[in-house]
């Protein structure tokens, strides 16, 4: 039985589990297979890794009020936006 190809939308949904090493072996293989052939998802994963790395350096006190409001709006509306 052939393993179904992972779509970009599915990839995005699995990123957290991938980074936390919580994907079952079959899903991890699908994820990495997709990653090896999709520049957009490779860039997305790199951006998520960079966000995680940099988030340790940011605090609410370091953000200008306008930047804070913009971040809150982006996170509030992220599911409404297409990948």
Protein backbone atom coordinates (compact mmCIF):
# COMPACT_ATOMS: atom_id res chain seq x y z
CA UNK A 1 0.00 0.00 0.00
CA UNK A 2 1.43 3.39 -1.02
CA UNK A 3 1.83 6.07 1.62
CA UNK A 4 -0.18 9.19 0.67
CA UNK A 5 1.83 12.27 -0.21
CA UNK A 6 1.79 15.00 2.41
CA UNK A 7 0.27 18.32 1.32
CA UNK A 8 1.66 21.70 2.35
CA UNK A 9 -1.39 22.30 4.55
CA UNK A 10 -0.80 18.99 6.36
CA UNK A 11 2.88 19.86 6.69
CA UNK A 12 2.05 23.10 8.49
CA UNK A 13 -0.24 21.26 10.89
CA UNK A 14 2.55 18.78 11.78
CA UNK A 15 5.45 21.21 12.27
CA UNK A 16 5.14 21.45 16.05
CA UNK A 17 5.01 17.69 16.48
CA UNK A 18 7.99 17.33 14.15
CA UNK A 19 10.07 19.84 16.10
CA UNK A 20 9.11 18.17 19.37
CA UNK A 21 10.04 14.75 17.91
CA UNK A 22 6.48 13.59 18.54
CA UNK A 23 5.61 12.23 15.07
CA UNK A 24 5.23 8.49 14.61
CA UNK A 25 7.92 7.06 12.30
CA UNK A 26 5.61 6.79 9.27
CA UNK A 27 4.41 10.39 9.63
CA UNK A 28 7.97 11.61 10.17
CA UNK A 29 9.02 9.89 6.94
CA UNK A 30 6.13 11.54 5.04
CA UNK A 31 7.02 14.89 6.61
CA UNK A 32 10.72 14.65 5.70
CA UNK A 33 9.91 13.37 2.21
CA UNK A 34 7.72 16.42 1.60
CA UNK A 35 10.37 18.67 3.12
CA UNK A 36 13.03 17.36 0.74
CA UNK A 37 11.00 18.42 -2.30
CA UNK A 38 9.21 21.60 -1.24
CA UNK A 39 11.15 24.84 -1.02
CA UNK A 40 8.17 26.71 0.45
CA UNK A 41 7.81 24.30 3.35
CA UNK A 42 11.59 24.21 3.86
CA UNK A 43 11.53 28.00 4.19
CA UNK A 44 8.51 27.82 6.51
CA UNK A 45 10.26 25.32 8.79
CA UNK A 46 13.39 27.50 8.85
CA UNK A 47 11.25 30.52 9.79
CA UNK A 48 9.57 28.58 12.62
CA UNK A 49 12.97 27.45 13.93
CA UNK A 50 14.26 31.03 13.79
CA UNK A 51 11.13 32.30 15.55
CA UNK A 52 11.61 29.76 18.32
CA UNK A 53 15.28 30.68 18.65
CA UNK A 54 14.60 34.43 18.73
CA UNK A 55 11.54 34.29 20.97
CA UNK A 56 13.78 33.65 23.94
CA UNK A 57 15.23 37.12 23.37
CA UNK A 58 11.96 39.01 23.20
CA UNK A 59 9.84 40.14 26.05
CA UNK A 60 6.68 42.17 26.11
CA UNK A 61 8.60 45.02 27.71
CA UNK A 62 10.95 45.14 24.69
CA UNK A 63 8.10 45.66 22.22
CA UNK A 64 6.74 49.01 21.23
CA UNK A 65 2.97 49.18 21.85
CA UNK A 66 2.27 49.28 18.09
CA UNK A 67 4.43 46.18 17.50
CA UNK A 68 2.70 44.35 20.36
CA UNK A 69 -0.72 45.14 18.90
CA UNK A 70 0.40 44.01 15.44
CA UNK A 71 1.72 40.69 16.79
CA UNK A 72 -1.49 40.08 18.71
CA UNK A 73 -3.57 40.77 15.60
CA UNK A 74 -1.42 38.43 13.49
CA UNK A 75 -1.68 35.57 15.98
CA UNK A 76 -5.39 36.14 16.51
CA UNK A 77 -6.09 35.93 12.77
CA UNK A 78 -3.49 33.33 11.68
CA UNK A 79 -6.00 30.51 11.08
CA UNK A 80 -8.06 32.73 8.80
CA UNK A 81 -5.14 33.18 6.42
CA UNK A 82 -4.31 30.62 3.73
CA UNK A 83 -0.76 29.18 3.73
